[in-house]
Amino acid sequence: MPNALEKALPKDIRNNMRTLIAAALGLFLGLRYNDYVKKVIATIVPSTDNLLIEGLILIGITFGIVYLSIFIQRQLDGK
């Protein structure tokens, strides 16, 4: 038996709402991780104001995230 939300909203709108809520929660979590990663990097690399070191760290993190994204996608695709 459909509930009130199922009666009031079409399926595509409910799916969009679900996606938007998940994206908002992901953004919130990403911002929290941003603060955490900044603190970790500040602990590992003292404040030297060296843009080269910061750039290398960001490049390393970027490659790690890309690799992780590809790995997750392959796992989801069953390859």
C-alpha atoms as a PDB file:
ATOM      1  CA  MET A   1       0.000   0.000   0.000  1.00  0.00           C
ATOM      2  CA  PRO A   2       1.534   3.359  -1.045  1.00  0.00           C
ATOM      3  CA  ASN A   3       2.275   5.912   1.648  1.00  0.00           C
ATOM      4  CA  ALA A   4       1.359   9.610   1.448  1.00  0.00           C
ATOM      5  CA  LEU A   5       4.673  10.622  -0.156  1.00  0.00           C
ATOM      6  CA  GLU A   6       4.299   7.999  -2.876  1.00  0.00           C
ATOM      7  CA  LYS A   7       0.796   9.248  -3.610  1.00  0.00           C
ATOM      8  CA  ALA A   8       1.798  12.934  -3.674  1.00  0.00           C
ATOM      9  CA  LEU A   9       4.988  12.786  -5.753  1.00  0.00           C
ATOM     10  CA  PRO A  10       5.833  10.973  -8.958  1.00  0.00           C
ATOM     11  CA  LYS A  11       8.601   8.382  -8.883  1.00  0.00           C
ATOM     12  CA  ASP A  12      11.134  10.524 -10.798  1.00  0.00           C
ATOM     13  CA  ILE A  13      10.745  13.407  -8.341  1.00  0.00           C
ATOM     14  CA  ARG A  14      11.226  11.059  -5.371  1.00  0.00           C
ATOM     15  CA  ASN A  15      14.352   9.667  -7.025  1.00  0.00           C
ATOM     16  CA  ASN A  16      15.689  13.182  -7.631  1.00  0.00           C
ATOM     17  CA  MET A  17      15.009  14.112  -4.009  1.00  0.00           C
ATOM     18  CA  ARG A  18      16.867  11.011  -2.843  1.00  0.00           C
ATOM     19  CA  THR A  19      19.829  11.911  -5.069  1.00  0.00           C
ATOM     20  CA  LEU A  20      19.900  15.535  -3.902  1.00  0.00           C
ATOM     21  CA  ILE A  21      19.757  14.548  -0.234  1.00  0.00           C
ATOM     22  CA  ALA A  22      22.601  12.072  -0.733  1.00  0.00           C
ATOM     23  CA  ALA A  23      24.636  14.747  -2.557  1.00  0.00           C
ATOM     24  CA  ALA A  24      24.035  17.284   0.230  1.00  0.00           C
ATOM     25  CA  LEU A  25      25.135  14.788   2.872  1.00  0.00           C
ATOM     26  CA  GLY A  26      28.176  13.915   0.751  1.00  0.00           C
ATOM     27  CA  LEU A  27      29.080  17.602   0.474  1.00  0.00           C
ATOM     28  CA  PHE A  28      28.793  18.024   4.236  1.00  0.00           C
ATOM     29  CA  LEU A  29      30.964  14.977   4.822  1.00  0.00           C
ATOM     30  CA  GLY A  30      33.477  16.178   2.227  1.00  0.00           C
ATOM     31  CA  LEU A  31      33.808  19.519   3.986  1.00  0.00           C
ATOM     32  CA  ARG A  32      34.416  17.775   7.311  1.00  0.00           C
ATOM     33  CA  TYR A  33      37.075  15.577   5.705  1.00  0.00           C
ATOM     34  CA  ASN A  34      38.639  18.706   4.222  1.00  0.00           C
ATOM     35  CA  ASP A  35      39.180  20.125   7.708  1.00  0.00           C
ATOM     36  CA  TYR A  36      40.562  16.805   8.930  1.00  0.00           C
ATOM     37  CA  VAL A  37      42.977  16.408   6.015  1.00  0.00           C
ATOM     38  CA  LYS A  38      44.215  19.982   6.485  1.00  0.00           C
ATOM     39  CA  LYS A  39      45.016  19.211  10.132  1.00  0.00           C
ATOM     40  CA  VAL A  40      46.756  15.942   9.234  1.00  0.00           C
ATOM     41  CA  ILE A  41      48.882  17.625   6.553  1.00  0.00           C
ATOM     42  CA  ALA A  42      49.722  20.481   8.914  1.00  0.00           C
ATOM     43  CA  THR A  43      50.873  17.902  11.474  1.00  0.00           C
ATOM     44  CA  ILE A  44      52.981  15.935   8.980  1.00  0.00           C
ATOM     45  CA  VAL A  45      54.407  18.923   7.095  1.00  0.00           C
ATOM     46  CA  PRO A  46      55.145  21.887   9.336  1.00  0.00           C
ATOM     47  CA  SER A  47      54.073  25.255   8.033  1.00  0.00           C
ATOM     48  CA  THR A  48      56.834  26.070   5.581  1.00  0.00           C
ATOM     49  CA  ASP A  49      54.709  28.073   3.168  1.00  0.00           C
ATOM     50  CA  ASN A  50      56.322  26.010   0.433  1.00  0.00           C
ATOM     51  CA  LEU A  51      53.987  25.827  -2.541  1.00  0.00           C
ATOM     52  CA  LEU A  52      56.014  23.024  -4.141  1.00  0.00           C
ATOM     53  CA  ILE A  53      55.452  20.697  -1.172  1.00  0.00           C
ATOM     54  CA  GLU A  54      51.756  21.562  -1.042  1.00  0.00           C
ATOM     55  CA  GLY A  55      51.456  20.985  -4.788  1.00  0.00           C
ATOM     56  CA  LEU A  56      53.147  17.586  -4.562  1.00  0.00           C
ATOM     57  CA  ILE A  57      50.862  16.559  -1.715  1.00  0.00           C
ATOM     58  CA  LEU A  58      47.776  17.624  -3.687  1.00  0.00           C
ATOM     59  CA  ILE A  59      48.963  15.770  -6.788  1.00  0.00           C
ATOM     60  CA  GLY A  60      49.526  12.634  -4.695  1.00  0.00           C
ATOM     61  CA  ILE A  61      46.087  12.900  -3.114  1.00  0.00           C
ATOM     62  CA  THR A  62      44.515  13.474  -6.545  1.00  0.00           C
ATOM     63  CA  PHE A  63      46.147  10.356  -7.999  1.00  0.00           C
ATOM     64  CA  GLY A  64      45.026   8.369  -4.966  1.00  0.00           C
ATOM     65  CA  ILE A  65      41.430   9.523  -5.346  1.00  0.00           C
ATOM     66  CA  VAL A  66      41.416   8.806  -9.092  1.00  0.00           C
ATOM     67  CA  TYR A  67      42.822   5.312  -8.493  1.00  0.00           C
ATOM     68  CA  LEU A  68      40.266   4.676  -5.748  1.00  0.00           C
ATOM     69  CA  SER A  69      37.416   5.899  -7.983  1.00  0.00           C
ATOM     70  CA  ILE A  70      38.504   3.604 -10.824  1.00  0.00           C
ATOM     71  CA  PHE A  71      38.866   0.683  -8.409  1.00  0.00           C
ATOM     72  CA  ILE A  72      35.390   1.237  -6.942  1.00  0.00           C
ATOM     73  CA  GLN A  73      33.822   1.589 -10.393  1.00  0.00           C
ATOM     74  CA  ARG A  74      35.435  -1.657 -11.571  1.00  0.00           C
ATOM     75  CA  GLN A  75      34.203  -3.444  -8.452  1.00  0.00           C
ATOM     76  CA  LEU A  76      30.678  -2.159  -9.037  1.00  0.00           C
ATOM     77  CA  ASP A  77      30.809  -3.188 -12.700  1.00  0.00           C
ATOM     78  CA  GLY A  78      32.032  -6.648 -11.735  1.00  0.00           C
ATOM     79  CA  LYS A  79      35.251  -6.483 -13.754  1.00  0.00           C
END
